[in-house]
């Protein structure tokens, strides 16, 4: 399932990833991401913005599980 987020809201994206568990999503202006086992997978890129978003979303997911 591909979902497009027009506005980047880390908690909203984290809730989506945690609920669906496996799939992909796109954030407008940032790019496409894959996720599995309720975590965003490391993007195959050197794009600093994508890496930052990857870390931030997984951090929010970790705090939701605590």
N, C-alpha and C. Protein backbone atom coordinates (compact mmCIF):
# COMPACT_ATOMS: atom_id res chain seq x y z
N UNK A 1 0.85 -1.19 0.00
CA UNK A 1 0.00 0.00 0.00
C UNK A 1 0.89 1.24 0.00
N UNK A 2 0.59 2.15 -0.88
CA UNK A 2 1.35 3.39 -0.95
C UNK A 2 0.46 4.53 -0.48
N UNK A 3 0.92 5.20 0.53
CA UNK A 3 0.19 6.35 1.04
C UNK A 3 1.04 7.58 0.86
N UNK A 4 0.43 8.68 0.45
CA UNK A 4 1.18 9.92 0.29
C UNK A 4 0.78 10.89 1.39
N UNK A 5 1.78 11.37 2.11
CA UNK A 5 1.58 12.40 3.11
C UNK A 5 1.96 13.72 2.47
N UNK A 6 1.00 14.64 2.40
CA UNK A 6 1.30 15.93 1.77
C UNK A 6 2.05 16.85 2.72
N UNK A 7 1.86 16.64 4.02
CA UNK A 7 2.55 17.42 5.04
C UNK A 7 3.27 16.43 5.95
N UNK A 8 4.53 16.69 6.23
CA UNK A 8 5.32 15.79 7.08
C UNK A 8 5.01 16.05 8.55
N UNK A 9 4.33 15.07 9.16
CA UNK A 9 4.05 15.09 10.60
C UNK A 9 4.57 13.77 11.15
N UNK A 10 5.71 13.80 11.86
CA UNK A 10 6.34 12.55 12.30
C UNK A 10 5.42 11.61 13.07
N UNK A 11 4.61 12.13 13.99
CA UNK A 11 3.73 11.26 14.78
C UNK A 11 2.67 10.58 13.91
N UNK A 12 2.14 11.32 12.94
CA UNK A 12 1.12 10.75 12.04
C UNK A 12 1.73 9.64 11.18
N UNK A 13 2.92 9.87 10.66
CA UNK A 13 3.59 8.86 9.84
C UNK A 13 3.94 7.65 10.71
N UNK A 14 4.43 7.88 11.91
CA UNK A 14 4.80 6.80 12.82
C UNK A 14 3.59 5.93 13.16
N UNK A 15 2.45 6.55 13.39
CA UNK A 15 1.22 5.81 13.69
C UNK A 15 0.83 4.94 12.49
N UNK A 16 0.95 5.48 11.29
CA UNK A 16 0.65 4.75 10.06
C UNK A 16 1.55 3.53 9.92
N UNK A 17 2.87 3.73 10.12
CA UNK A 17 3.84 2.65 9.99
C UNK A 17 3.58 1.56 11.03
N UNK A 18 3.33 1.98 12.27
CA UNK A 18 3.13 1.03 13.35
C UNK A 18 1.83 0.22 13.15
N UNK A 19 0.81 0.85 12.60
CA UNK A 19 -0.48 0.19 12.40
C UNK A 19 -0.43 -0.82 11.25
N UNK A 20 0.15 -0.42 10.11
CA UNK A 20 0.15 -1.31 8.94
C UNK A 20 1.27 -2.33 8.96
N UNK A 21 2.37 -2.02 9.61
CA UNK A 21 3.47 -2.95 9.83
C UNK A 21 4.37 -3.17 8.61
N UNK A 22 3.81 -3.22 7.38
CA UNK A 22 4.64 -3.44 6.20
C UNK A 22 4.05 -2.72 5.00
N UNK A 23 4.91 -2.03 4.22
CA UNK A 23 4.44 -1.35 3.03
C UNK A 23 5.37 -0.21 2.65
N UNK A 24 4.78 0.81 2.05
CA UNK A 24 5.57 1.97 1.66
C UNK A 24 4.72 3.23 1.72
N UNK A 25 5.39 4.35 1.82
CA UNK A 25 4.71 5.63 1.83
C UNK A 25 5.61 6.69 1.21
N UNK A 26 4.97 7.79 0.83
CA UNK A 26 5.69 8.91 0.24
C UNK A 26 5.37 10.16 1.04
N UNK A 27 6.38 11.00 1.24
CA UNK A 27 6.18 12.30 1.86
C UNK A 27 6.48 13.34 0.79
N UNK A 28 5.51 14.20 0.52
CA UNK A 28 5.65 15.21 -0.52
C UNK A 28 6.89 16.08 -0.28
N UNK A 29 7.70 16.22 -1.30
CA UNK A 29 8.90 17.04 -1.21
C UNK A 29 10.10 16.34 -0.60
N UNK A 30 9.90 15.13 -0.08
CA UNK A 30 11.01 14.40 0.56
C UNK A 30 11.31 13.12 -0.21
N UNK A 31 10.30 12.29 -0.43
CA UNK A 31 10.52 11.08 -1.21
C UNK A 31 9.77 9.88 -0.67
N UNK A 32 10.12 8.72 -1.23
CA UNK A 32 9.44 7.47 -0.91
C UNK A 32 10.24 6.66 0.11
N UNK A 33 9.51 5.99 1.00
CA UNK A 33 10.12 5.18 2.06
C UNK A 33 9.44 3.82 2.10
N UNK A 34 10.18 2.81 2.51
CA UNK A 34 9.67 1.46 2.72
C UNK A 34 9.66 1.21 4.23
N UNK A 35 8.74 0.36 4.67
CA UNK A 35 8.77 -0.03 6.09
C UNK A 35 8.38 -1.49 6.23
N UNK A 36 8.91 -2.11 7.28
CA UNK A 36 8.66 -3.52 7.57
C UNK A 36 8.83 -3.73 9.07
N UNK A 37 8.06 -4.65 9.63
CA UNK A 37 8.09 -4.94 11.06
C UNK A 37 7.86 -3.69 11.90
N UNK A 38 7.05 -2.76 11.39
CA UNK A 38 6.72 -1.57 12.15
C UNK A 38 7.84 -0.55 12.26
N UNK A 39 8.85 -0.64 11.40
CA UNK A 39 9.97 0.31 11.40
C UNK A 39 10.25 0.75 9.97
N UNK A 40 10.65 1.99 9.81
CA UNK A 40 11.04 2.49 8.49
C UNK A 40 12.41 1.90 8.16
N UNK A 41 12.54 1.39 6.94
CA UNK A 41 13.80 0.79 6.51
C UNK A 41 14.77 1.88 6.07
N UNK A 42 16.04 1.61 6.26
CA UNK A 42 17.09 2.55 5.88
C UNK A 42 17.02 2.84 4.39
N UNK A 43 16.82 4.12 4.01
CA UNK A 43 16.74 4.44 2.58
C UNK A 43 18.09 4.25 1.90
N UNK A 44 18.05 3.79 0.66
CA UNK A 44 19.27 3.57 -0.12
C UNK A 44 19.66 4.89 -0.80
N UNK A 45 20.16 5.82 0.01
CA UNK A 45 20.47 7.15 -0.51
C UNK A 45 21.46 7.84 0.40
N UNK A 46 22.06 8.88 -0.10
CA UNK A 46 22.93 9.72 0.72
C UNK A 46 22.24 11.06 1.02
N UNK A 47 20.96 11.16 0.65
CA UNK A 47 20.18 12.38 0.88
C UNK A 47 20.01 12.61 2.39
N UNK A 48 20.61 13.68 2.88
CA UNK A 48 20.59 13.97 4.31
C UNK A 48 19.18 14.16 4.84
N UNK A 49 18.31 14.79 4.07
CA UNK A 49 16.93 15.02 4.52
C UNK A 49 16.19 13.68 4.71
N UNK A 50 16.35 12.76 3.76
CA UNK A 50 15.70 11.45 3.89
C UNK A 50 16.24 10.68 5.09
N UNK A 51 17.54 10.77 5.32
CA UNK A 51 18.14 10.08 6.46
C UNK A 51 17.62 10.65 7.78
N UNK A 52 17.47 11.96 7.84
CA UNK A 52 16.96 12.61 9.04
C UNK A 52 15.51 12.19 9.32
N UNK A 53 14.69 12.16 8.26
CA UNK A 53 13.29 11.75 8.41
C UNK A 53 13.22 10.29 8.87
N UNK A 54 14.05 9.43 8.28
CA UNK A 54 14.11 8.01 8.67
C UNK A 54 14.39 7.87 10.16
N UNK A 55 15.40 8.57 10.65
CA UNK A 55 15.77 8.50 12.07
C UNK A 55 14.67 9.06 12.96
N UNK A 56 14.08 10.18 12.53
CA UNK A 56 13.05 10.83 13.34
C UNK A 56 11.80 9.95 13.49
N UNK A 57 11.34 9.37 12.40
CA UNK A 57 10.13 8.53 12.45
C UNK A 57 10.38 7.29 13.31
N UNK A 58 11.52 6.63 13.12
CA UNK A 58 11.82 5.45 13.94
C UNK A 58 11.97 5.83 15.41
N UNK A 59 12.47 7.02 15.70
CA UNK A 59 12.57 7.50 17.08
C UNK A 59 11.20 7.69 17.70
N UNK A 60 10.27 8.25 16.93
CA UNK A 60 8.89 8.43 17.42
C UNK A 60 8.24 7.07 17.66
N UNK A 61 8.46 6.12 16.75
CA UNK A 61 7.90 4.77 16.93
C UNK A 61 8.44 4.15 18.21
N UNK A 62 9.72 4.31 18.47
CA UNK A 62 10.34 3.75 19.70
C UNK A 62 9.71 4.35 20.94
N UNK A 63 9.44 5.66 20.93
CA UNK A 63 8.83 6.27 22.11
C UNK A 63 7.37 5.85 22.27
N UNK A 64 6.70 5.54 21.17
CA UNK A 64 5.30 5.07 21.24
C UNK A 64 5.23 3.68 21.87
N UNK A 65 6.26 2.87 21.70
CA UNK A 65 6.27 1.51 22.22
C UNK A 65 6.68 1.46 23.69
N UNK A 66 7.33 2.50 24.16
CA UNK A 66 7.84 2.51 25.55
C UNK A 66 6.72 2.72 26.54
